[in-house]
Amino acid sequence: MHVCRFDSASHLVGRARTYAAVKAAVLNAGRFSIFEATHTAESARLFTRLRDDPELEVFELGYPWIGVKLRAVKE
């Protein structure tokens, strides 16, 4: 049996589900899914903030995945 999971930060619940914790989990995974990003209004706010974070590069992967990595530091 194969179980598909479409999340990177769903293990973070309650007070543990802060922007910093979600950002770290998504960066560690290198991606998040549109399903987890739109699961609740709170998730939508967190993942919209991730998309707009100037430290992050967000890019399309195959549906339903969105890739995430740190932007290169310009010197």
N, C-alpha and C. Protein backbone atom coordinates (compact mmCIF):
# COMPACT_ATOMS: atom_id res chain seq x y z
N MET A 1 0.84 -1.15 0.00
CA MET A 1 0.00 0.00 0.00
C MET A 1 0.90 1.24 0.00
N HIS A 2 0.51 2.25 -0.74
CA HIS A 2 1.24 3.52 -0.80
C HIS A 2 0.29 4.64 -0.40
N VAL A 3 0.68 5.42 0.60
CA VAL A 3 -0.14 6.53 1.06
C VAL A 3 0.52 7.83 0.62
N CYS A 4 -0.22 8.62 -0.12
CA CYS A 4 0.28 9.92 -0.57
C CYS A 4 -0.04 10.97 0.49
N ARG A 5 0.94 11.79 0.79
CA ARG A 5 0.74 12.90 1.72
C ARG A 5 1.07 14.18 0.98
N PHE A 6 0.21 15.15 1.13
CA PHE A 6 0.40 16.41 0.45
C PHE A 6 0.58 17.52 1.48
N ASP A 7 1.59 17.36 2.32
CA ASP A 7 1.84 18.38 3.33
C ASP A 7 3.32 18.42 3.69
N SER A 8 3.70 19.54 4.24
CA SER A 8 5.07 19.72 4.73
C SER A 8 5.08 20.21 6.17
N ALA A 9 3.97 20.79 6.60
CA ALA A 9 3.94 21.40 7.92
C ALA A 9 2.70 21.05 8.73
N SER A 10 1.97 20.02 8.34
CA SER A 10 0.73 19.69 9.06
C SER A 10 1.00 19.14 10.46
N HIS A 11 2.23 18.70 10.71
CA HIS A 11 2.58 18.21 12.05
C HIS A 11 2.64 19.35 13.07
N LEU A 12 2.67 20.58 12.60
CA LEU A 12 2.70 21.74 13.48
C LEU A 12 1.27 22.17 13.79
N VAL A 13 0.88 22.01 15.02
CA VAL A 13 -0.48 22.34 15.42
C VAL A 13 -0.47 23.23 16.65
N GLY A 14 -1.58 23.90 16.88
CA GLY A 14 -1.71 24.74 18.06
C GLY A 14 -0.66 25.84 18.11
N ARG A 15 -0.10 26.04 19.28
CA ARG A 15 0.90 27.09 19.46
C ARG A 15 2.20 26.83 18.73
N ALA A 16 2.42 25.57 18.35
CA ALA A 16 3.64 25.22 17.60
C ALA A 16 3.55 25.68 16.15
N ARG A 17 2.35 26.02 15.66
CA ARG A 17 2.16 26.41 14.27
C ARG A 17 2.36 27.91 14.10
N THR A 18 3.60 28.33 14.27
CA THR A 18 3.97 29.74 14.08
C THR A 18 4.52 29.92 12.66
N TYR A 19 4.63 31.16 12.24
CA TYR A 19 5.19 31.42 10.92
C TYR A 19 6.61 30.87 10.82
N ALA A 20 7.42 31.12 11.83
CA ALA A 20 8.82 30.66 11.80
C ALA A 20 8.90 29.14 11.72
N ALA A 21 8.05 28.43 12.45
CA ALA A 21 8.07 26.97 12.43
C ALA A 21 7.60 26.42 11.09
N VAL A 22 6.56 27.01 10.52
CA VAL A 22 6.07 26.58 9.21
C VAL A 22 7.13 26.87 8.15
N LYS A 23 7.74 28.03 8.21
CA LYS A 23 8.79 28.40 7.26
C LYS A 23 9.94 27.39 7.31
N ALA A 24 10.38 27.05 8.52
CA ALA A 24 11.47 26.09 8.68
C ALA A 24 11.08 24.71 8.13
N ALA A 25 9.86 24.26 8.40
CA ALA A 25 9.41 22.95 7.92
C ALA A 25 9.33 22.92 6.39
N VAL A 26 8.81 23.99 5.81
CA VAL A 26 8.67 24.06 4.36
C VAL A 26 10.05 24.13 3.70
N LEU A 27 10.96 24.91 4.27
CA LEU A 27 12.32 24.96 3.73
C LEU A 27 13.01 23.60 3.83
N ASN A 28 12.81 22.92 4.94
CA ASN A 28 13.39 21.60 5.11
C ASN A 28 12.87 20.62 4.05
N ALA A 29 11.58 20.69 3.77
CA ALA A 29 10.97 19.82 2.76
C ALA A 29 11.27 20.30 1.34
N GLY A 30 11.49 21.61 1.21
CA GLY A 30 11.74 22.18 -0.12
C GLY A 30 10.48 22.39 -0.94
N ARG A 31 9.34 22.21 -0.31
CA ARG A 31 8.08 22.37 -1.03
C ARG A 31 6.90 22.36 -0.06
N PHE A 32 5.75 22.79 -0.57
CA PHE A 32 4.48 22.64 0.12
C PHE A 32 3.41 22.43 -0.95
N SER A 33 2.28 21.93 -0.54
CA SER A 33 1.22 21.68 -1.51
C SER A 33 0.14 22.75 -1.44
N ILE A 34 -0.52 22.94 -2.55
CA ILE A 34 -1.63 23.87 -2.60
C ILE A 34 -2.74 23.42 -1.66
N PHE A 35 -2.85 22.11 -1.43
CA PHE A 35 -3.87 21.59 -0.53
C PHE A 35 -3.64 22.06 0.90
N GLU A 36 -2.41 21.96 1.38
CA GLU A 36 -2.15 22.41 2.76
C GLU A 36 -2.20 23.92 2.86
N ALA A 37 -1.83 24.62 1.79
CA ALA A 37 -1.83 26.08 1.81
C ALA A 37 -3.23 26.66 1.85
N THR A 38 -4.22 25.90 1.41
CA THR A 38 -5.60 26.41 1.38
C THR A 38 -6.53 25.64 2.30
N HIS A 39 -5.97 24.81 3.15
CA HIS A 39 -6.78 23.96 4.03
C HIS A 39 -7.68 24.77 4.96
N THR A 40 -7.15 25.83 5.55
CA THR A 40 -7.91 26.71 6.43
C THR A 40 -7.54 28.15 6.12
N ALA A 41 -8.32 29.07 6.64
CA ALA A 41 -8.01 30.50 6.46
C ALA A 41 -6.67 30.84 7.10
N GLU A 42 -6.38 30.26 8.25
CA GLU A 42 -5.09 30.50 8.92
C GLU A 42 -3.94 29.98 8.07
N SER A 43 -4.10 28.79 7.51
CA SER A 43 -3.06 28.24 6.62
C SER A 43 -2.87 29.15 5.41
N ALA A 44 -3.95 29.62 4.86
CA ALA A 44 -3.84 30.51 3.69
C ALA A 44 -3.05 31.77 4.04
N ARG A 45 -3.27 32.32 5.22
CA ARG A 45 -2.50 33.51 5.65
C ARG A 45 -1.02 33.17 5.80
N LEU A 46 -0.70 32.04 6.44
CA LEU A 46 0.69 31.65 6.64
C LEU A 46 1.41 31.41 5.31
N PHE A 47 0.77 30.68 4.41
CA PHE A 47 1.42 30.35 3.15
C PHE A 47 1.47 31.53 2.19
N THR A 48 0.52 32.46 2.30
CA THR A 48 0.62 33.70 1.52
C THR A 48 1.81 34.51 2.02
N ARG A 49 2.00 34.53 3.31
CA ARG A 49 3.17 35.21 3.87
C ARG A 49 4.47 34.57 3.40
N LEU A 50 4.50 33.24 3.33
CA LEU A 50 5.66 32.53 2.79
C LEU A 50 5.93 32.96 1.35
N ARG A 51 4.89 32.99 0.55
CA ARG A 51 5.03 33.37 -0.86
C ARG A 51 5.61 34.77 -1.00
N ASP A 52 5.26 35.67 -0.07
CA ASP A 52 5.70 37.05 -0.14
C ASP A 52 6.99 37.33 0.63
N ASP A 53 7.55 36.33 1.28
CA ASP A 53 8.76 36.50 2.10
C ASP A 53 9.95 36.81 1.18
N PRO A 54 10.62 37.95 1.38
CA PRO A 54 11.74 38.31 0.51
C PRO A 54 12.96 37.40 0.64
N GLU A 55 13.04 36.62 1.70
CA GLU A 55 14.15 35.68 1.88
C GLU A 55 13.97 34.40 1.06
N LEU A 56 12.76 34.17 0.57
CA LEU A 56 12.44 32.91 -0.08
C LEU A 56 12.22 33.07 -1.58
N GLU A 57 12.61 32.04 -2.30
CA GLU A 57 12.27 31.92 -3.71
C GLU A 57 11.20 30.83 -3.80
N VAL A 58 10.06 31.19 -4.34
CA VAL A 58 8.94 30.27 -4.47
C VAL A 58 8.72 30.02 -5.96
N PHE A 59 8.57 28.76 -6.35
CA PHE A 59 8.48 28.43 -7.76
C PHE A 59 7.55 27.24 -7.96
N GLU A 60 7.01 27.14 -9.16
CA GLU A 60 6.08 26.06 -9.50
C GLU A 60 6.81 24.73 -9.66
N LEU A 61 6.22 23.71 -9.12
CA LEU A 61 6.62 22.32 -9.37
C LEU A 61 5.40 21.66 -9.99
N GLY A 62 5.44 20.39 -10.18
CA GLY A 62 4.25 19.70 -10.68
C GLY A 62 3.11 19.80 -9.70
N TYR A 63 1.90 20.00 -10.21
CA TYR A 63 0.71 20.12 -9.37
C TYR A 63 0.61 18.92 -8.43
N PRO A 64 0.39 19.12 -7.17
CA PRO A 64 -0.04 20.30 -6.45
C PRO A 64 1.09 21.01 -5.68
N TRP A 65 2.32 20.78 -6.07
CA TRP A 65 3.47 21.24 -5.29
C TRP A 65 3.97 22.62 -5.71
N ILE A 66 4.41 23.35 -4.69
CA ILE A 66 5.07 24.65 -4.85
C ILE A 66 6.45 24.50 -4.22
N GLY A 67 7.51 24.78 -4.99
CA GLY A 67 8.87 24.67 -4.48
C GLY A 67 9.26 25.90 -3.68
N VAL A 68 10.11 25.72 -2.70
CA VAL A 68 10.58 26.81 -1.83
C VAL A 68 12.05 26.61 -1.52
N LYS A 69 12.82 27.69 -1.65
CA LYS A 69 14.22 27.66 -1.22
C LYS A 69 14.63 29.07 -0.83
N LEU A 70 15.72 29.14 -0.08
CA LEU A 70 16.25 30.45 0.30
C LEU A 70 16.82 31.13 -0.94
N ARG A 71 16.60 32.43 -1.02
CA ARG A 71 17.19 33.20 -2.12
C ARG A 71 18.68 33.29 -1.92
N ALA A 72 19.41 33.33 -3.01
CA ALA A 72 20.84 33.52 -2.94
C ALA A 72 21.13 34.91 -2.41
N VAL A 73 22.13 35.01 -1.57
CA VAL A 73 22.52 36.30 -1.00
C VAL A 73 23.35 37.04 -2.02
N LYS A 74 22.92 38.26 -2.33
CA LYS A 74 23.68 39.08 -3.28
C LYS A 74 24.69 39.92 -2.53
N GLU A 75 25.89 39.93 -3.01
CA GLU A 75 26.95 40.70 -2.33
C GLU A 75 27.27 41.95 -3.08
